[in-house]
Amino acid sequence: AVEIDEQAFDQAKQNFLESKWKNNISIFHSDITTFETSQKFDIIISNP
């Protein structure tokens, strides 16, 4: 999960950590246009 807004990032991070799926989720505070990763994704979802 990638989120540019700091407050939203903090809220999402807290929500993920308090969920039973926390070990499956990584979150990054970043602008997606400059987000760097070696991974390619099979599904990209967005509520832009």
All heavy atoms as atom14 arrays in JSON, in Angstrom:
{
  "sequence": "AVEIDEQAFDQAKQNFLESKWKNNISIFHSDITTFETSQKFDIIISNP",
  "atom14_mask": [
    [1, 1, 1, 1, 1, 0, 0, 0, 0, 0, 0, 0, 0, 0],
    [1, 1, 1, 1, 1, 1, 1, 0, 0, 0, 0, 0, 0, 0],
    [1, 1, 1, 1, 1, 1, 1, 1, 1, 0, 0, 0, 0, 0],
    [1, 1, 1, 1, 1, 1, 1, 1, 0, 0, 0, 0, 0, 0],
    [1, 1, 1, 1, 1, 1, 1, 1, 0, 0, 0, 0, 0, 0],
    [1, 1, 1, 1, 1, 1, 1, 1, 1, 0, 0, 0, 0, 0],
    [1, 1, 1, 1, 1, 1, 1, 1, 1, 0, 0, 0, 0, 0],
    [1, 1, 1, 1, 1, 0, 0, 0, 0, 0, 0, 0, 0, 0],
    [1, 1, 1, 1, 1, 1, 1, 1, 1, 1, 1, 0, 0, 0],
    [1, 1, 1, 1, 1, 1, 1, 1, 0, 0, 0, 0, 0, 0],
    [1, 1, 1, 1, 1, 1, 1, 1, 1, 0, 0, 0, 0, 0],
    [1, 1, 1, 1, 1, 0, 0, 0, 0, 0, 0, 0, 0, 0],
    [1, 1, 1, 1, 1, 1, 1, 1, 1, 0, 0, 0, 0, 0],
    [1, 1, 1, 1, 1, 1, 1, 1, 1, 0, 0, 0, 0, 0],
    [1, 1, 1, 1, 1, 1, 1, 1, 0, 0, 0, 0, 0, 0],
    [1, 1, 1, 1, 1, 1, 1, 1, 1, 1, 1, 0, 0, 0],
    [1, 1, 1, 1, 1, 1, 1, 1, 0, 0, 0, 0, 0, 0],
    [1, 1, 1, 1, 1, 1, 1, 1, 1, 0, 0, 0, 0, 0],
    [1, 1, 1, 1, 1, 1, 0, 0, 0, 0, 0, 0, 0, 0],
    [1, 1, 1, 1, 1, 1, 1, 1, 1, 0, 0, 0, 0, 0],
    [1, 1, 1, 1, 1, 1, 1, 1, 1, 1, 1, 1, 1, 1],
    [1, 1, 1, 1, 1, 1, 1, 1, 1, 0, 0, 0, 0, 0],
    [1, 1, 1, 1, 1, 1, 1, 1, 0, 0, 0, 0, 0, 0],
    [1, 1, 1, 1, 1, 1, 1, 1, 0, 0, 0, 0, 0, 0],
    [1, 1, 1, 1, 1, 1, 1, 1, 0, 0, 0, 0, 0, 0],
    [1, 1, 1, 1, 1, 1, 0, 0, 0, 0, 0, 0, 0, 0],
    [1, 1, 1, 1, 1, 1, 1, 1, 0, 0, 0, 0, 0, 0],
    [1, 1, 1, 1, 1, 1, 1, 1, 1, 1, 1, 0, 0, 0],
    [1, 1, 1, 1, 1, 1, 1, 1, 1, 1, 0, 0, 0, 0],
    [1, 1, 1, 1, 1, 1, 0, 0, 0, 0, 0, 0, 0, 0],
    [1, 1, 1, 1, 1, 1, 1, 1, 0, 0, 0, 0, 0, 0],
    [1, 1, 1, 1, 1, 1, 1, 1, 0, 0, 0, 0, 0, 0],
    [1, 1, 1, 1, 1, 1, 1, 0, 0, 0, 0, 0, 0, 0],
    [1, 1, 1, 1, 1, 1, 1, 0, 0, 0, 0, 0, 0, 0],
    [1, 1, 1, 1, 1, 1, 1, 1, 1, 1, 1, 0, 0, 0],
    [1, 1, 1, 1, 1, 1, 1, 1, 1, 0, 0, 0, 0, 0],
    [1, 1, 1, 1, 1, 1, 1, 0, 0, 0, 0, 0, 0, 0],
    [1, 1, 1, 1, 1, 1, 0, 0, 0, 0, 0, 0, 0, 0],
    [1, 1, 1, 1, 1, 1, 1, 1, 1, 0, 0, 0, 0, 0],
    [1, 1, 1, 1, 1, 1, 1, 1, 1, 0, 0, 0, 0, 0],
    [1, 1, 1, 1, 1, 1, 1, 1, 1, 1, 1, 0, 0, 0],
    [1, 1, 1, 1, 1, 1, 1, 1, 0, 0, 0, 0, 0, 0],
    [1, 1, 1, 1, 1, 1, 1, 1, 0, 0, 0, 0, 0, 0],
    [1, 1, 1, 1, 1, 1, 1, 1, 0, 0, 0, 0, 0, 0],
    [1, 1, 1, 1, 1, 1, 1, 1, 0, 0, 0, 0, 0, 0],
    [1, 1, 1, 1, 1, 1, 0, 0, 0, 0, 0, 0, 0, 0],
    [1, 1, 1, 1, 1, 1, 1, 1, 0, 0, 0, 0, 0, 0],
    [1, 1, 1, 1, 1, 1, 1, 0, 0, 0, 0, 0, 0, 0]
  ],
  "atom14_positions": [
    [[0.85, -1.19, 0.0], [0.0, 0.0, 0.0], [0.88, 1.24, 0.0], [1.87, 1.29, 0.73], [-0.92, -0.01, 1.22], [0.0, 0.0, 0.0], [0.0, 0.0, 0.0], [0.0, 0.0, 0.0], [0.0, 0.0, 0.0], [0.0, 0.0, 0.0], [0.0, 0.0, 0.0], [0.0, 0.0, 0.0], [0.0, 0.0, 0.0], [0.0, 0.0, 0.0]],
    [[0.52, 2.22, -0.82], [1.28, 3.46, -0.93], [0.33, 4.64, -0.7], [-0.76, 4.67, -1.25], [1.95, 3.59, -2.31], [2.7, 4.91, -2.43], [2.9, 2.41, -2.55], [0.0, 0.0, 0.0], [0.0, 0.0, 0.0], [0.0, 0.0, 0.0], [0.0, 0.0, 0.0], [0.0, 0.0, 0.0], [0.0, 0.0, 0.0], [0.0, 0.0, 0.0]],
    [[0.76, 5.58, 0.16], [-0.06, 6.74, 0.48], [0.83, 7.98, 0.58], [1.83, 7.96, 1.28], [-0.82, 6.53, 1.78], [-1.63, 7.71, 2.27], [-2.59, 8.24, 1.23], [-3.4, 7.46, 0.69], [-2.53, 9.46, 0.95], [0.0, 0.0, 0.0], [0.0, 0.0, 0.0], [0.0, 0.0, 0.0], [0.0, 0.0, 0.0], [0.0, 0.0, 0.0]],
    [[0.45, 9.06, -0.11], [1.25, 10.29, -0.13], [0.97, 11.18, 1.08], [1.85, 11.89, 1.55], [1.01, 11.06, -1.45], [2.02, 12.19, -1.59], [-0.43, 11.57, -1.54], [1.97, 12.88, -2.95], [0.0, 0.0, 0.0], [0.0, 0.0, 0.0], [0.0, 0.0, 0.0], [0.0, 0.0, 0.0], [0.0, 0.0, 0.0], [0.0, 0.0, 0.0]],
    [[-0.27, 11.17, 1.59], [-0.65, 12.05, 2.71], [-0.17, 11.45, 4.03], [-0.44, 10.29, 4.33], [-2.16, 12.24, 2.74], [-2.6, 13.14, 3.87], [-2.49, 14.37, 3.73], [-3.04, 12.61, 4.91], [0.0, 0.0, 0.0], [0.0, 0.0, 0.0], [0.0, 0.0, 0.0], [0.0, 0.0, 0.0], [0.0, 0.0, 0.0], [0.0, 0.0, 0.0]],
    [[0.54, 12.25, 4.82], [1.16, 11.72, 6.04], [0.13, 11.25, 7.06], [0.3, 10.18, 7.67], [2.06, 12.78, 6.67], [2.85, 12.25, 7.88], [3.87, 13.25, 8.39], [3.91, 14.39, 7.88], [4.64, 12.89, 9.31], [0.0, 0.0, 0.0], [0.0, 0.0, 0.0], [0.0, 0.0, 0.0], [0.0, 0.0, 0.0], [0.0, 0.0, 0.0]],
    [[-0.93, 12.02, 7.28], [-1.93, 11.62, 8.27], [-2.68, 10.37, 7.83], [-2.96, 9.48, 8.64], [-2.91, 12.77, 8.52], [-2.31, 13.92, 9.3], [-3.33, 15.0, 9.63], [-4.18, 15.32, 8.81], [-3.25, 15.53, 10.83], [0.0, 0.0, 0.0], [0.0, 0.0, 0.0], [0.0, 0.0, 0.0], [0.0, 0.0, 0.0], [0.0, 0.0, 0.0]],
    [[-3.01, 10.3, 6.55], [-3.67, 9.11, 6.04], [-2.74, 7.9, 6.14], [-3.17, 6.79, 6.5], [-4.11, 9.32, 4.59], [0.0, 0.0, 0.0], [0.0, 0.0, 0.0], [0.0, 0.0, 0.0], [0.0, 0.0, 0.0], [0.0, 0.0, 0.0], [0.0, 0.0, 0.0], [0.0, 0.0, 0.0], [0.0, 0.0, 0.0], [0.0, 0.0, 0.0]],
    [[-1.46, 8.1, 5.82], [-0.47, 7.02, 5.95], [-0.42, 6.49, 7.38], [-0.44, 5.28, 7.62], [0.9, 7.53, 5.53], [2.05, 6.65, 5.95], [2.35, 5.51, 5.24], [2.81, 6.97, 7.07], [3.41, 4.68, 5.64], [3.86, 6.16, 7.47], [4.16, 5.01, 6.75], [0.0, 0.0, 0.0], [0.0, 0.0, 0.0], [0.0, 0.0, 0.0]],
    [[-0.37, 7.4, 8.36], [-0.33, 6.99, 9.76], [-1.58, 6.21, 10.15], [-1.51, 5.22, 10.88], [-0.18, 8.22, 10.67], [1.19, 8.87, 10.55], [2.13, 8.19, 10.12], [1.31, 10.06, 10.91], [0.0, 0.0, 0.0], [0.0, 0.0, 0.0], [0.0, 0.0, 0.0], [0.0, 0.0, 0.0], [0.0, 0.0, 0.0], [0.0, 0.0, 0.0]],
    [[-2.75, 6.67, 9.67], [-4.0, 5.98, 9.99], [-4.05, 4.59, 9.37], [-4.43, 3.62, 10.01], [-5.19, 6.8, 9.49], [-6.55, 6.18, 9.8], [-6.83, 6.14, 11.29], [-7.17, 7.15, 11.88], [-6.67, 4.98, 11.91], [0.0, 0.0, 0.0], [0.0, 0.0, 0.0], [0.0, 0.0, 0.0], [0.0, 0.0, 0.0], [0.0, 0.0, 0.0]],
    [[-3.66, 4.49, 8.09], [-3.65, 3.19, 7.43], [-2.68, 2.23, 8.09], [-2.98, 1.05, 8.3], [-3.3, 3.37, 5.95], [0.0, 0.0, 0.0], [0.0, 0.0, 0.0], [0.0, 0.0, 0.0], [0.0, 0.0, 0.0], [0.0, 0.0, 0.0], [0.0, 0.0, 0.0], [0.0, 0.0, 0.0], [0.0, 0.0, 0.0], [0.0, 0.0, 0.0]],
    [[-1.51, 2.75, 8.44], [-0.51, 1.9, 9.1], [-1.05, 1.34, 10.41], [-0.89, 0.15, 10.71], [0.77, 2.72, 9.36], [1.91, 1.91, 9.96], [3.16, 2.77, 10.09], [4.31, 1.96, 10.68], [5.54, 2.81, 10.81], [0.0, 0.0, 0.0], [0.0, 0.0, 0.0], [0.0, 0.0, 0.0], [0.0, 0.0, 0.0], [0.0, 0.0, 0.0]],
    [[-1.73, 2.19, 11.18], [-2.33, 1.74, 12.43], [-3.42, 0.7, 12.17], [-3.49, -0.33, 12.86], [-2.94, 2.93, 13.18], [-3.61, 2.56, 14.5], [-4.25, 3.76, 15.18], [-4.06, 4.9, 14.77], [-5.03, 3.51, 16.22], [0.0, 0.0, 0.0], [0.0, 0.0, 0.0], [0.0, 0.0, 0.0], [0.0, 0.0, 0.0], [0.0, 0.0, 0.0]],
    [[-4.25, 0.95, 11.17], [-5.31, -0.01, 10.84], [-4.73, -1.36, 10.42], [-5.25, -2.41, 10.81], [-6.18, 0.55, 9.72], [-7.05, 1.71, 10.17], [-7.28, 1.89, 11.37], [-7.52, 2.51, 9.24], [0.0, 0.0, 0.0], [0.0, 0.0, 0.0], [0.0, 0.0, 0.0], [0.0, 0.0, 0.0], [0.0, 0.0, 0.0], [0.0, 0.0, 0.0]],
    [[-3.67, -1.33, 9.64], [-3.04, -2.59, 9.2], [-2.45, -3.34, 10.4], [-2.62, -4.56, 10.53], [-1.94, -2.31, 8.18], [-2.43, -1.77, 6.87], [-1.62, -0.97, 6.08], [-3.72, -2.04, 6.41], [-2.05, -0.47, 4.86], [-4.17, -1.54, 5.19], [-3.34, -0.75, 4.42], [0.0, 0.0, 0.0], [0.0, 0.0, 0.0], [0.0, 0.0, 0.0]],
    [[-1.76, -2.61, 11.27], [-1.11, -3.24, 12.42], [-2.11, -3.87, 13.38], [-1.81, -4.85, 14.06], [-0.24, -2.23, 13.16], [1.05, -1.81, 12.45], [1.74, -0.68, 13.22], [2.0, -3.0, 12.29], [0.0, 0.0, 0.0], [0.0, 0.0, 0.0], [0.0, 0.0, 0.0], [0.0, 0.0, 0.0], [0.0, 0.0, 0.0], [0.0, 0.0, 0.0]],
    [[-3.32, -3.31, 13.44], [-4.34, -3.83, 14.34], [-5.2, -4.9, 13.7], [-6.13, -5.42, 14.33], [-5.21, -2.67, 14.84], [-4.46, -1.71, 15.76], [-5.32, -0.58, 16.29], [-6.54, -0.57, 16.0], [-4.79, 0.29, 17.0], [0.0, 0.0, 0.0], [0.0, 0.0, 0.0], [0.0, 0.0, 0.0], [0.0, 0.0, 0.0], [0.0, 0.0, 0.0]],
    [[-4.9, -5.25, 12.45], [-5.67, -6.28, 11.76], [-4.96, -7.62, 11.83], [-3.75, -7.7, 12.08], [-5.87, -5.89, 10.3], [-4.7, -6.16, 9.54], [0.0, 0.0, 0.0], [0.0, 0.0, 0.0], [0.0, 0.0, 0.0], [0.0, 0.0, 0.0], [0.0, 0.0, 0.0], [0.0, 0.0, 0.0], [0.0, 0.0, 0.0], [0.0, 0.0, 0.0]],
    [[-5.7, -8.68, 11.57], [-5.12, -10.02, 11.58], [-4.3, -10.31, 10.32], [-3.66, -11.35, 10.23], [-6.23, -11.07, 11.72], [-7.21, -11.12, 10.59], [-8.21, -12.26, 10.76], [-9.14, -12.01, 11.93], [-10.18, -13.06, 12.04], [0.0, 0.0, 0.0], [0.0, 0.0, 0.0], [0.0, 0.0, 0.0], [0.0, 0.0, 0.0], [0.0, 0.0, 0.0]],
    [[-4.31, -9.37, 9.36], [-3.57, -9.58, 8.1], [-2.3, -8.74, 8.04], [-1.73, -8.55, 6.98], [-4.49, -9.23, 6.92], [-5.78, -9.99, 7.0], [-6.0, -11.3, 6.67], [-7.04, -9.5, 7.48], [-7.3, -11.65, 6.9], [-7.97, -10.57, 7.41], [-7.46, -8.26, 7.97], [-9.29, -10.43, 7.81], [-8.78, -8.13, 8.36], [-9.68, -9.2, 8.27]],
    [[-1.86, -8.25, 9.19], [-0.73, -7.31, 9.22], [0.54, -7.9, 8.62], [1.36, -7.16, 8.05], [-0.47, -6.85, 10.65], [-0.12, -7.97, 11.63], [0.02, -7.42, 13.04], [0.33, -8.54, 14.04], [0.41, -8.03, 15.42], [0.0, 0.0, 0.0], [0.0, 0.0, 0.0], [0.0, 0.0, 0.0], [0.0, 0.0, 0.0], [0.0, 0.0, 0.0]],
    [[0.73, -9.2, 8.73], [1.96, -9.81, 8.21], [1.96, -9.9, 6.69], [3.0, -10.19, 6.09], [2.14, -11.21, 8.81], [2.43, -11.15, 10.3], [3.01, -10.2, 10.8], [2.01, -12.18, 11.03], [0.0, 0.0, 0.0], [0.0, 0.0, 0.0], [0.0, 0.0, 0.0], [0.0, 0.0, 0.0], [0.0, 0.0, 0.0], [0.0, 0.0, 0.0]],
    [[0.82, -9.68, 6.07], [0.73, -9.75, 4.61], [0.8, -8.38, 3.94], [0.78, -8.3, 2.71], [-0.59, -10.41, 4.18], [-0.64, -11.89, 4.5], [0.35, -12.47, 4.92], [-1.79, -12.5, 4.3], [0.0, 0.0, 0.0], [0.0, 0.0, 0.0], [0.0, 0.0, 0.0], [0.0, 0.0, 0.0], [0.0, 0.0, 0.0], [0.0, 0.0, 0.0]],
    [[0.87, -7.31, 4.76], [0.75, -5.95, 4.21], [1.98, -5.11, 4.51], [2.42, -5.02, 5.65], [-0.5, -5.24, 4.78], [-1.77, -6.07, 4.53], [-0.65, -3.85, 4.17], [-2.98, -5.54, 5.25], [0.0, 0.0, 0.0], [0.0, 0.0, 0.0], [0.0, 0.0, 0.0], [0.0, 0.0, 0.0], [0.0, 0.0, 0.0], [0.0, 0.0, 0.0]],
    [[2.51, -4.49, 3.47], [3.58, -3.49, 3.62], [3.03, -2.14, 3.17], [2.34, -2.06, 2.16], [4.79, -3.86, 2.76], [5.3, -5.13, 3.11], [0.0, 0.0, 0.0], [0.0, 0.0, 0.0], [0.0, 0.0, 0.0], [0.0, 0.0, 0.0], [0.0, 0.0, 0.0], [0.0, 0.0, 0.0], [0.0, 0.0, 0.0], [0.0, 0.0, 0.0]],
    [[3.35, -1.09, 3.92], [2.85, 0.24, 3.56], [4.01, 1.22, 3.47], [4.97, 1.15, 4.25], [1.79, 0.73, 4.58], [1.22, 2.09, 4.13], [2.31, 0.78, 6.0], [-0.01, 2.53, 4.88], [0.0, 0.0, 0.0], [0.0, 0.0, 0.0], [0.0, 0.0, 0.0], [0.0, 0.0, 0.0], [0.0, 0.0, 0.0], [0.0, 0.0, 0.0]],
    [[3.9, 2.13, 2.49], [4.96, 3.11, 2.24], [4.36, 4.51, 2.14], [3.33, 4.71, 1.51], [5.69, 2.78, 0.94], [6.39, 1.45, 0.96], [5.72, 0.29, 0.57], [7.7, 1.34, 1.4], [6.35, -0.93, 0.59], [8.35, 0.12, 1.42], [7.67, -1.02, 1.02], [0.0, 0.0, 0.0], [0.0, 0.0, 0.0], [0.0, 0.0, 0.0]],
    [[5.04, 5.47, 2.79], [4.65, 6.88, 2.69], [5.41, 7.46, 1.51], [6.61, 7.79, 1.63], [4.99, 7.61, 3.99], [4.65, 9.05, 3.98], [5.38, 10.0, 4.67], [3.65, 9.72, 3.36], [4.85, 11.19, 4.47], [3.8, 11.05, 3.69], [0.0, 0.0, 0.0], [0.0, 0.0, 0.0], [0.0, 0.0, 0.0], [0.0, 0.0, 0.0]],
    [[4.74, 7.59, 0.37], [5.45, 7.97, -0.84], [4.49, 8.51, -1.9], [3.3, 8.19, -1.9], [6.2, 6.75, -1.42], [6.81, 7.05, -2.66], [0.0, 0.0, 0.0], [0.0, 0.0, 0.0], [0.0, 0.0, 0.0], [0.0, 0.0, 0.0], [0.0, 0.0, 0.0], [0.0, 0.0, 0.0], [0.0, 0.0, 0.0], [0.0, 0.0, 0.0]],
    [[5.02, 9.31, -2.79], [4.34, 9.7, -4.02], [4.49, 8.53, -4.98], [5.61, 8.09, -5.28], [5.01, 10.96, -4.57], [4.38, 11.47, -5.86], [3.71, 10.69, -6.55], [4.58, 12.66, -6.18], [0.0, 0.0, 0.0], [0.0, 0.0, 0.0], [0.0, 0.0, 0.0], [0.0, 0.0, 0.0], [0.0, 0.0, 0.0], [0.0, 0.0, 0.0]],
    [[3.38, 8.0, -5.49], [3.46, 6.8, -6.32], [4.25, 7.04, -7.61], [4.86, 6.12, -8.15], [2.05, 6.27, -6.65], [2.13, 4.86, -7.25], [1.31, 7.23, -7.57], [2.73, 3.82, -6.34], [0.0, 0.0, 0.0], [0.0, 0.0, 0.0], [0.0, 0.0, 0.0], [0.0, 0.0, 0.0], [0.0, 0.0, 0.0], [0.0, 0.0, 0.0]],
    [[4.3, 8.29, -8.08], [5.01, 8.57, -9.33], [6.52, 8.46, -9.16], [7.25, 8.31, -10.15], [4.66, 9.97, -9.88], [5.04, 10.96, -8.93], [3.17, 10.08, -10.16], [0.0, 0.0, 0.0], [0.0, 0.0, 0.0], [0.0, 0.0, 0.0], [0.0, 0.0, 0.0], [0.0, 0.0, 0.0], [0.0, 0.0, 0.0], [0.0, 0.0, 0.0]],
    [[7.0, 8.53, -7.91], [8.44, 8.38, -7.65], [8.72, 7.13, -6.81], [9.85, 6.94, -6.36], [8.98, 9.62, -6.93], [8.26, 9.83, -5.71], [8.85, 10.85, -7.82], [0.0, 0.0, 0.0], [0.0, 0.0, 0.0], [0.0, 0.0, 0.0], [0.0, 0.0, 0.0], [0.0, 0.0, 0.0], [0.0, 0.0, 0.0], [0.0, 0.0, 0.0]],
    [[7.72, 6.31, -6.59], [7.86, 5.11, -5.78], [8.74, 4.09, -6.51], [8.51, 3.76, -7.66], [6.49, 4.5, -5.5], [6.52, 3.23, -4.69], [6.99, 3.23, -3.39], [6.05, 2.05, -5.23], [7.01, 2.06, -2.64], [6.05, 0.88, -4.49], [6.54, 0.88, -3.2], [0.0, 0.0, 0.0], [0.0, 0.0, 0.0], [0.0, 0.0, 0.0]],
    [[9.78, 3.62, -5.81], [10.72, 2.68, -6.41], [10.58, 1.31, -5.78], [10.57, 1.18, -4.56], [12.16, 3.19, -6.25], [12.47, 4.47, -7.01], [12.44, 4.3, -8.51], [12.62, 3.14, -8.97], [12.21, 5.29, -9.22], [0.0, 0.0, 0.0], [0.0, 0.0, 0.0], [0.0, 0.0, 0.0], [0.0, 0.0, 0.0], [0.0, 0.0, 0.0]],
    [[10.46, 0.29, -6.6], [10.41, -1.09, -6.13], [10.88, -2.0, -7.25], [10.71, -1.7, -8.43], [8.98, -1.48, -5.71], [8.96, -2.86, -5.35], [7.97, -1.24, -6.82], [0.0, 0.0, 0.0], [0.0, 0.0, 0.0], [0.0, 0.0, 0.0], [0.0, 0.0, 0.0], [0.0, 0.0, 0.0], [0.0, 0.0, 0.0], [0.0, 0.0, 0.0]],
    [[11.48, -3.11, -6.87], [11.91, -4.1, -7.86], [10.77, -5.03, -8.26], [10.89, -5.79, -9.23], [13.08, -4.93, -7.3], [12.68, -5.61, -6.12], [0.0, 0.0, 0.0], [0.0, 0.0, 0.0], [0.0, 0.0, 0.0], [0.0, 0.0, 0.0], [0.0, 0.0, 0.0], [0.0, 0.0, 0.0], [0.0, 0.0, 0.0], [0.0, 0.0, 0.0]],
    [[9.66, -4.96, -7.53], [8.53, -5.84, -7.8], [7.67, -5.34, -8.94], [7.58, -4.15, -9.21], [7.64, -5.97, -6.55], [8.23, -6.81, -5.44], [7.24, -6.95, -4.28], [6.53, -6.01, -3.94], [7.2, -8.13, -3.69], [0.0, 0.0, 0.0], [0.0, 0.0, 0.0], [0.0, 0.0, 0.0], [0.0, 0.0, 0.0], [0.0, 0.0, 0.0]],
    [[7.05, -6.27, -9.62], [5.96, -5.99, -10.54], [4.7, -6.61, -9.93], [4.75, -7.67, -9.32], [6.22, -6.6, -11.91], [7.42, -6.01, -12.63], [7.12, -4.61, -13.15], [8.28, -4.07, -13.99], [8.01, -2.72, -14.51], [0.0, 0.0, 0.0], [0.0, 0.0, 0.0], [0.0, 0.0, 0.0], [0.0, 0.0, 0.0], [0.0, 0.0, 0.0]],
    [[3.58, -5.94, -10.1], [2.35, -6.35, -9.44], [1.34, -6.92, -10.43], [1.22, -6.45, -11.56], [1.74, -5.16, -8.69], [2.63, -4.63, -7.61], [3.54, -3.61, -7.87], [2.6, -5.18, -6.33], [4.38, -3.13, -6.88], [3.43, -4.7, -5.33], [4.33, -3.68, -5.61], [0.0, 0.0, 0.0], [0.0, 0.0, 0.0], [0.0, 0.0, 0.0]],
    [[0.64, -7.95, -9.98], [-0.37, -8.6, -10.81], [-1.68, -7.81, -10.82], [-2.39, -7.81, -11.82], [-0.64, -10.02, -10.31], [0.62, -10.85, -10.27], [1.14, -11.17, -11.36], [1.09, -11.18, -9.17], [0.0, 0.0, 0.0], [0.0, 0.0, 0.0], [0.0, 0.0, 0.0], [0.0, 0.0, 0.0], [0.0, 0.0, 0.0], [0.0, 0.0, 0.0]],
    [[-1.98, -7.17, -9.69], [-3.2, -6.38, -9.55], [-2.83, -5.03, -8.93], [-2.16, -4.99, -7.89], [-4.25, -7.07, -8.68], [-4.61, -8.45, -9.23], [-5.5, -6.2, -8.54], [-5.31, -8.43, -10.58], [0.0, 0.0, 0.0], [0.0, 0.0, 0.0], [0.0, 0.0, 0.0], [0.0, 0.0, 0.0], [0.0, 0.0, 0.0], [0.0, 0.0, 0.0]],
    [[-3.29, -3.96, -9.53], [-3.16, -2.62, -8.94], [-4.57, -2.08, -8.73], [-5.37, -2.03, -9.66], [-2.35, -1.68, -9.85], [-0.91, -2.19, -9.96], [-2.37, -0.25, -9.31], [-0.03, -1.39, -10.91], [0.0, 0.0, 0.0], [0.0, 0.0, 0.0], [0.0, 0.0, 0.0], [0.0, 0.0, 0.0], [0.0, 0.0, 0.0], [0.0, 0.0, 0.0]],
    [[-4.87, -1.71, -7.49], [-6.18, -1.15, -7.17], [-6.01, 0.29, -6.74], [-4.99, 0.67, -6.15], [-6.9, -1.96, -6.06], [-6.03, -2.01, -4.78], [-7.24, -3.35, -6.53], [-6.76, -2.6, -3.58], [0.0, 0.0, 0.0], [0.0, 0.0, 0.0], [0.0, 0.0, 0.0], [0.0, 0.0, 0.0], [0.0, 0.0, 0.0], [0.0, 0.0, 0.0]],
    [[-7.03, 1.1, -7.03], [-6.94, 2.5, -6.62], [-8.33, 3.14, -6.6], [-9.15, 2.91, -7.5], [-6.05, 3.3, -7.58], [-5.88, 4.63, -7.13], [0.0, 0.0, 0.0], [0.0, 0.0, 0.0], [0.0, 0.0, 0.0], [0.0, 0.0, 0.0], [0.0, 0.0, 0.0], [0.0, 0.0, 0.0], [0.0, 0.0, 0.0], [0.0, 0.0, 0.0]],
    [[-8.56, 3.9, -5.54], [-9.71, 4.8, -5.46], [-9.11, 6.2, -5.55], [-8.85, 6.84, -4.53], [-10.45, 4.58, -4.13], [-11.6, 5.54, -3.93], [-11.93, 6.31, -4.81], [-12.2, 5.49, -2.75], [0.0, 0.0, 0.0], [0.0, 0.0, 0.0], [0.0, 0.0, 0.0], [0.0, 0.0, 0.0], [0.0, 0.0, 0.0], [0.0, 0.0, 0.0]],
    [[-8.82, 6.66, -6.76], [-7.99, 7.87, -6.93], [-8.79, 9.15, -6.7], [-10.02, 9.11, -6.57], [-7.55, 7.76, -8.38], [-8.69, 7.08, -9.05], [-9.22, 6.09, -8.04], [0.0, 0.0, 0.0], [0.0, 0.0, 0.0], [0.0, 0.0, 0.0], [0.0, 0.0, 0.0], [0.0, 0.0, 0.0], [0.0, 0.0, 0.0], [0.0, 0.0, 0.0]]
  ]
}
